[in-house]
């Protein structure tokens, strides 16, 4: 299990982030279908859905850093955390003109 550091430990507060939650991912009807489908399948089967980032958050400016991580057989959570932290710091630095 990977534990994430709270935003405040990274020097961020939710108000400083350039994006907002879009609200519920599923409509009420979709949620009821999903829950019924989960109950309908045999044990050991996982029901999931694929979503776009745009389905989860909305943003007023295009200043959110996008991290691209190459597919690999294994991932180091510390390396991923360092990449995320670096992208956040770069995002917060003023651009040099």
C-alpha atoms as a PDB file:
ATOM      1  CA  UNK A   1       0.000   0.000   0.000  1.00  0.00           C
ATOM      2  CA  UNK A   2       1.362   3.400  -0.966  1.00  0.00           C
ATOM      3  CA  UNK A   3       0.716   6.238   1.433  1.00  0.00           C
ATOM      4  CA  UNK A   4       0.488   9.688  -0.038  1.00  0.00           C
ATOM      5  CA  UNK A   5       1.789  12.699   1.813  1.00  0.00           C
ATOM      6  CA  UNK A   6      -0.920  15.258   2.511  1.00  0.00           C
ATOM      7  CA  UNK A   7      -0.850  18.341   0.307  1.00  0.00           C
ATOM      8  CA  UNK A   8       0.047  20.492   3.293  1.00  0.00           C
ATOM      9  CA  UNK A   9       3.275  18.514   3.863  1.00  0.00           C
ATOM     10  CA  UNK A  10       4.264  19.443   0.305  1.00  0.00           C
ATOM     11  CA  UNK A  11       3.686  23.115   1.022  1.00  0.00           C
ATOM     12  CA  UNK A  12       0.395  23.168  -0.894  1.00  0.00           C
ATOM     13  CA  UNK A  13      -3.169  23.801   0.105  1.00  0.00           C
ATOM     14  CA  UNK A  14      -6.183  22.790  -1.973  1.00  0.00           C
ATOM     15  CA  UNK A  15      -6.887  26.464  -2.824  1.00  0.00           C
ATOM     16  CA  UNK A  16      -3.481  26.805  -4.518  1.00  0.00           C
ATOM     17  CA  UNK A  17      -4.080  23.943  -6.909  1.00  0.00           C
ATOM     18  CA  UNK A  18      -5.044  24.959 -10.460  1.00  0.00           C
ATOM     19  CA  UNK A  19      -7.849  22.398 -10.747  1.00  0.00           C
ATOM     20  CA  UNK A  20     -11.169  21.550  -9.112  1.00  0.00           C
ATOM     21  CA  UNK A  21     -13.105  18.359  -8.548  1.00  0.00           C
ATOM     22  CA  UNK A  22     -15.828  17.935 -11.180  1.00  0.00           C
ATOM     23  CA  UNK A  23     -18.190  16.282  -8.715  1.00  0.00           C
ATOM     24  CA  UNK A  24     -19.498  12.716  -8.751  1.00  0.00           C
ATOM     25  CA  UNK A  25     -17.846  10.464 -11.310  1.00  0.00           C
ATOM     26  CA  UNK A  26     -20.986   8.434 -11.928  1.00  0.00           C
ATOM     27  CA  UNK A  27     -24.558   9.585 -12.269  1.00  0.00           C
ATOM     28  CA  UNK A  28     -27.044   8.068  -9.821  1.00  0.00           C
ATOM     29  CA  UNK A  29     -28.222   5.596 -12.475  1.00  0.00           C
ATOM     30  CA  UNK A  30     -24.664   4.634 -13.427  1.00  0.00           C
ATOM     31  CA  UNK A  31     -23.794   4.100  -9.775  1.00  0.00           C
ATOM     32  CA  UNK A  32     -26.790   1.815  -9.222  1.00  0.00           C
ATOM     33  CA  UNK A  33     -25.850  -0.171 -12.345  1.00  0.00           C
ATOM     34  CA  UNK A  34     -22.222  -0.444 -11.227  1.00  0.00           C
ATOM     35  CA  UNK A  35     -23.203  -1.663  -7.749  1.00  0.00           C
ATOM     36  CA  UNK A  36     -25.679  -4.210  -9.180  1.00  0.00           C
ATOM     37  CA  UNK A  37     -23.063  -5.422 -11.660  1.00  0.00           C
ATOM     38  CA  UNK A  38     -20.511  -5.891  -8.868  1.00  0.00           C
ATOM     39  CA  UNK A  39     -23.023  -8.009  -6.932  1.00  0.00           C
ATOM     40  CA  UNK A  40     -23.877 -10.024 -10.061  1.00  0.00           C
ATOM     41  CA  UNK A  41     -20.378 -11.263 -10.910  1.00  0.00           C
ATOM     42  CA  UNK A  42     -18.685 -14.250  -9.344  1.00  0.00           C
ATOM     43  CA  UNK A  43     -16.057 -13.832  -6.622  1.00  0.00           C
ATOM     44  CA  UNK A  44     -12.568 -12.968  -7.794  1.00  0.00           C
ATOM     45  CA  UNK A  45     -13.824 -10.775 -10.653  1.00  0.00           C
ATOM     46  CA  UNK A  46     -13.176  -7.059 -10.448  1.00  0.00           C
ATOM     47  CA  UNK A  47     -15.486  -4.627 -12.195  1.00  0.00           C
ATOM     48  CA  UNK A  48     -13.898  -1.310 -13.046  1.00  0.00           C
ATOM     49  CA  UNK A  49     -14.314   1.506 -15.521  1.00  0.00           C
ATOM     50  CA  UNK A  50     -11.856   3.634 -17.421  1.00  0.00           C
ATOM     51  CA  UNK A  51     -12.099   7.385 -17.034  1.00  0.00           C
ATOM     52  CA  UNK A  52     -10.374  10.368 -18.553  1.00  0.00           C
ATOM     53  CA  UNK A  53      -8.660  12.946 -16.363  1.00  0.00           C
ATOM     54  CA  UNK A  54     -11.177  15.443 -17.724  1.00  0.00           C
ATOM     55  CA  UNK A  55     -13.960  13.346 -16.166  1.00  0.00           C
ATOM     56  CA  UNK A  56     -12.389  13.864 -12.741  1.00  0.00           C
ATOM     57  CA  UNK A  57     -11.183  17.456 -12.649  1.00  0.00           C
ATOM     58  CA  UNK A  58     -11.646  20.760 -14.405  1.00  0.00           C
ATOM     59  CA  UNK A  59      -9.056  23.485 -14.796  1.00  0.00           C
ATOM     60  CA  UNK A  60      -9.212  27.187 -15.604  1.00  0.00           C
ATOM     61  CA  UNK A  61      -5.698  27.408 -17.075  1.00  0.00           C
ATOM     62  CA  UNK A  62      -3.572  24.805 -18.970  1.00  0.00           C
ATOM     63  CA  UNK A  63      -0.819  25.124 -16.314  1.00  0.00           C
ATOM     64  CA  UNK A  64      -1.236  21.661 -14.797  1.00  0.00           C
ATOM     65  CA  UNK A  65       1.936  19.646 -15.276  1.00  0.00           C
ATOM     66  CA  UNK A  66       1.458  16.424 -17.204  1.00  0.00           C
ATOM     67  CA  UNK A  67       3.768  13.603 -16.224  1.00  0.00           C
ATOM     68  CA  UNK A  68       4.473  10.871 -18.696  1.00  0.00           C
ATOM     69  CA  UNK A  69       5.739   7.664 -17.143  1.00  0.00           C
ATOM     70  CA  UNK A  70       7.067   4.947 -19.397  1.00  0.00           C
ATOM     71  CA  UNK A  71       5.417   1.567 -19.011  1.00  0.00           C
ATOM     72  CA  UNK A  72       7.607  -0.778 -17.003  1.00  0.00           C
ATOM     73  CA  UNK A  73       7.485  -4.124 -15.274  1.00  0.00           C
ATOM     74  CA  UNK A  74       7.934  -2.451 -11.887  1.00  0.00           C
ATOM     75  CA  UNK A  75       7.640   1.032 -10.475  1.00  0.00           C
ATOM     76  CA  UNK A  76       9.397   2.623  -7.515  1.00  0.00           C
ATOM     77  CA  UNK A  77       6.919   4.709  -5.525  1.00  0.00           C
ATOM     78  CA  UNK A  78       9.747   6.903  -4.191  1.00  0.00           C
ATOM     79  CA  UNK A  79      10.875   7.737  -7.725  1.00  0.00           C
ATOM     80  CA  UNK A  80       7.293   8.503  -8.728  1.00  0.00           C
ATOM     81  CA  UNK A  81       6.865  10.758  -5.662  1.00  0.00           C
ATOM     82  CA  UNK A  82      10.083  12.608  -6.584  1.00  0.00           C
ATOM     83  CA  UNK A  83       8.824  13.120 -10.161  1.00  0.00           C
ATOM     84  CA  UNK A  84       5.519  14.485  -8.861  1.00  0.00           C
ATOM     85  CA  UNK A  85       7.222  16.786  -6.369  1.00  0.00           C
ATOM     86  CA  UNK A  86       9.584  18.096  -9.063  1.00  0.00           C
ATOM     87  CA  UNK A  87       6.689  18.822 -11.428  1.00  0.00           C
ATOM     88  CA  UNK A  88       4.825  20.680  -8.679  1.00  0.00           C
ATOM     89  CA  UNK A  89       7.871  22.774  -7.792  1.00  0.00           C
ATOM     90  CA  UNK A  90       8.488  23.640 -11.464  1.00  0.00           C
ATOM     91  CA  UNK A  91       4.816  24.614 -11.810  1.00  0.00           C
ATOM     92  CA  UNK A  92       5.090  26.988  -8.862  1.00  0.00           C
ATOM     93  CA  UNK A  93       8.272  28.724 -10.043  1.00  0.00           C
ATOM     94  CA  UNK A  94       7.723  31.952 -12.001  1.00  0.00           C
ATOM     95  CA  UNK A  95       8.731  31.737 -15.639  1.00  0.00           C
ATOM     96  CA  UNK A  96      11.845  33.618 -16.706  1.00  0.00           C
ATOM     97  CA  UNK A  97      11.251  36.125 -19.479  1.00  0.00           C
END
